[in-house]
Protein backbone atom coordinates (compact mmCIF):
# COMPACT_ATOMS: atom_id res chain seq x y z
CA MET A 1 36.63 -0.49 -1.92
CA PRO A 2 36.96 -3.93 0.10
CA GLU A 3 38.62 -6.74 -1.88
CA PRO A 4 36.03 -9.04 -3.60
CA THR A 5 35.28 -12.44 -1.76
CA ASP A 6 34.23 -15.50 -3.33
CA ASP A 7 30.72 -14.61 -1.81
CA VAL A 8 29.99 -11.13 -2.82
CA ARG A 9 30.43 -9.92 -6.42
CA TRP A 10 31.28 -5.94 -5.93
CA LEU A 11 29.71 -3.43 -8.07
CA THR A 12 32.07 -2.17 -11.10
CA ALA A 13 32.72 1.50 -11.52
CA ASP A 14 29.93 1.49 -14.26
CA GLU A 15 27.20 -0.14 -11.77
CA HIS A 16 28.20 1.92 -8.89
CA THR A 17 27.38 4.82 -10.70
CA ALA A 18 23.97 3.32 -12.03
CA TRP A 19 23.35 2.23 -8.48
CA LEU A 20 23.87 5.75 -7.04
CA ALA A 21 21.92 7.45 -9.62
CA THR A 22 19.08 4.89 -8.82
CA ALA A 23 19.31 5.46 -5.11
CA ALA A 24 18.91 8.95 -5.51
CA LEU A 25 16.09 8.87 -7.74
CA MET A 26 14.46 6.66 -5.28
CA ILE A 27 14.80 9.05 -2.66
CA ARG A 28 14.60 12.45 -4.26
CA LEU A 29 12.02 12.03 -6.78
CA PRO A 30 9.13 10.89 -4.26
CA ALA A 31 10.18 13.88 -1.80
CA ALA A 32 9.81 16.01 -4.97
CA LEU A 33 6.19 14.65 -5.89
CA ASP A 34 5.28 15.00 -2.04
CA SER A 35 6.11 18.58 -1.80
CA GLN A 36 4.44 19.75 -4.95
CA LEU A 37 1.29 17.67 -3.71
CA VAL A 38 1.47 18.83 -0.11
CA ARG A 39 2.00 22.52 -1.65
CA ASP A 40 -0.82 22.27 -4.27
CA SER A 41 -3.36 20.45 -2.56
CA GLY A 42 -2.56 19.52 1.20
CA LEU A 43 -1.94 15.75 0.27
CA THR A 44 0.90 13.61 0.53
CA PHE A 45 2.19 11.49 -2.15
CA PHE A 46 1.05 8.55 -0.08
CA GLU A 47 -2.42 9.99 0.41
CA TYR A 48 -2.57 10.94 -3.36
CA MET A 49 -1.42 7.33 -4.32
CA VAL A 50 -4.25 5.82 -1.99
CA LEU A 51 -6.87 8.20 -3.58
CA VAL A 52 -5.84 7.41 -6.98
CA ALA A 53 -6.34 3.45 -6.37
CA LEU A 54 -9.80 4.14 -4.64
CA SER A 55 -10.66 6.45 -7.87
CA GLU A 56 -9.95 3.61 -10.25
CA ALA A 57 -11.45 0.91 -8.07
CA GLU A 58 -14.82 -0.48 -8.96
CA ASP A 59 -17.62 1.30 -6.86
CA ARG A 60 -14.48 3.37 -5.66
CA THR A 61 -14.14 1.00 -2.84
CA LEU A 62 -11.39 -1.79 -1.79
CA GLN A 63 -10.90 -3.59 1.18
CA MET A 64 -7.77 -2.17 3.58
CA SER A 65 -5.44 -5.29 3.31
CA VAL A 66 -5.73 -4.78 -0.57
CA LEU A 67 -5.05 -1.30 -0.75
CA ALA A 68 -2.28 -1.61 1.68
CA GLU A 69 -0.50 -4.51 -0.63
CA MET A 70 -1.08 -2.07 -3.59
CA ALA A 71 0.65 0.83 -1.96
CA SER A 72 3.54 -1.54 -0.37
CA SER A 73 2.32 -0.33 2.74
CA SER A 74 1.83 -1.36 6.28
CA LEU A 75 -1.96 -1.82 7.49
CA SER A 76 -0.90 0.56 10.01
CA ARG A 77 0.87 3.26 7.76
CA LEU A 78 -2.39 2.91 5.79
CA SER A 79 -4.77 3.30 8.77
CA HIS A 80 -3.06 6.25 10.14
CA ALA A 81 -3.29 8.05 6.43
CA ALA A 82 -7.00 6.62 6.16
CA SER A 83 -7.87 8.50 9.46
CA ARG A 84 -6.49 11.56 7.92
CA LEU A 85 -8.30 11.39 4.87
CA GLU A 86 -11.48 10.13 6.54
CA ASP A 87 -11.07 13.17 9.00
CA GLN A 88 -11.07 15.43 5.61
CA GLY A 89 -14.07 13.73 4.43
CA LEU A 90 -12.11 12.03 1.55
CA LEU A 91 -12.91 8.38 2.25
CA THR A 92 -15.31 6.77 4.83
CA ARG A 93 -14.28 3.06 6.04
CA CYS A 94 -16.54 0.31 6.96
CA ARG A 95 -16.43 -3.25 8.39
CA VAL A 96 -17.11 -5.78 5.71
CA PRO A 97 -19.50 -8.45 6.85
CA GLY A 98 -18.19 -12.04 7.50
CA ALA A 99 -15.83 -13.75 8.97
CA GLY A 100 -12.62 -11.80 10.11
CA ARG A 101 -11.91 -8.11 11.07
CA ARG A 102 -11.97 -6.84 7.35
CA THR A 103 -12.43 -3.19 6.61
CA ALA A 104 -13.05 -1.63 3.54
CA ALA A 105 -12.30 2.15 2.27
CA THR A 106 -14.54 4.02 -0.11
CA LEU A 107 -13.87 7.33 -1.97
CA THR A 108 -16.29 9.85 -0.96
CA ASP A 109 -17.49 12.70 -3.75
CA THR A 110 -15.24 15.13 -1.90
CA GLY A 111 -12.72 12.90 -2.24
CA TYR A 112 -12.86 12.14 -5.58
CA ALA A 113 -13.02 16.01 -6.57
CA ALA A 114 -9.94 16.51 -4.62
CA VAL A 115 -7.74 13.45 -6.27
CA ALA A 116 -9.13 15.14 -9.50
CA ALA A 117 -8.01 18.59 -8.71
CA ALA A 118 -4.72 17.46 -7.65
CA ALA A 119 -4.03 15.53 -10.61
CA PRO A 120 -3.27 17.87 -13.31
CA GLY A 121 -0.47 19.52 -11.17
CA HIS A 122 1.04 16.13 -10.24
CA VAL A 123 0.78 15.11 -13.86
CA ARG A 124 2.74 18.36 -14.82
CA ARG A 125 5.29 17.67 -11.62
CA VAL A 126 5.93 14.18 -12.95
CA ARG A 127 6.17 15.31 -16.51
CA ASP A 128 8.73 17.97 -15.48
CA LEU A 129 10.83 15.52 -13.37
CA LEU A 130 11.01 12.51 -15.43
CA ILE A 131 8.65 11.89 -18.62
CA ASP A 132 9.92 14.77 -20.75
CA ARG A 133 13.66 14.44 -19.29
CA LEU A 134 13.84 11.28 -21.30
CA SER A 135 13.99 9.65 -24.86
CA PRO A 136 11.06 7.01 -25.72
CA ASP A 137 14.01 4.54 -25.79
CA ASP A 138 14.72 5.66 -22.17
CA LEU A 139 11.34 5.56 -20.90
CA ALA A 140 10.95 2.14 -22.37
CA ALA A 141 14.19 1.02 -20.65
CA LEU A 142 13.03 2.44 -17.36
CA GLY A 143 9.71 0.55 -17.80
CA ARG A 144 11.55 -2.68 -18.25
CA ALA A 145 13.97 -1.99 -15.78
CA GLY A 146 11.36 -1.29 -12.99
CA ARG A 147 9.38 -4.16 -14.04
CA ALA A 148 12.24 -6.26 -13.46
CA VAL A 149 13.04 -5.08 -10.12
CA MET A 150 9.44 -5.57 -9.28
CA GLU A 151 9.80 -9.42 -10.49
CA ALA A 152 12.75 -10.00 -8.41
CA LEU A 153 10.58 -8.45 -4.92
CA GLY A 154 7.89 -10.79 -6.03
CA GLU A 155 5.44 -8.38 -6.98
CA GLY A 156 4.77 -9.72 -10.34
CA ASP A 157 3.62 -7.75 -12.95
CA CYS A 158 3.46 -3.95 -12.09
CA ARG A 159 1.61 -3.20 -14.86
CA GLU A 160 -1.37 -4.55 -13.65
CA GLN A 161 -0.66 -2.57 -10.18
CA GLN A 162 -2.57 0.77 -9.69
CA ILE A 163 0.07 1.88 -7.30
């Protein structure tokens, strides 16, 4: 381990252990959720979360820029995913009238049915891998930790975000 310097506070052994567990969680949990969703519904985790956000929006419609922000995604990544979802008939896109190049995505009835069909398996997997593995105190601590990190990232209160 490098020697501490004036400008770096190196991790303690406990902090290092916690960081490695968190890093593994950030990498492996989304991959496991993605695998289940692709296998059971043909949707990636990212596509599923986009469809969920649209399903919870007024009129099942959001501007692509808003949806990208909610998904912590670039417009380019979202646009590619939206093209795939549009090809499957799960959403439609249309230009928003007015100044600028604004586009809105709308969840179709077929898209709503797809996300509704995918949700039970996804929730079962989330419960199996995370929720049911933790005590209520652990879940509360995880929620507090997630909100604190999101605040540090400048994301504000993640309880208000759909994705």
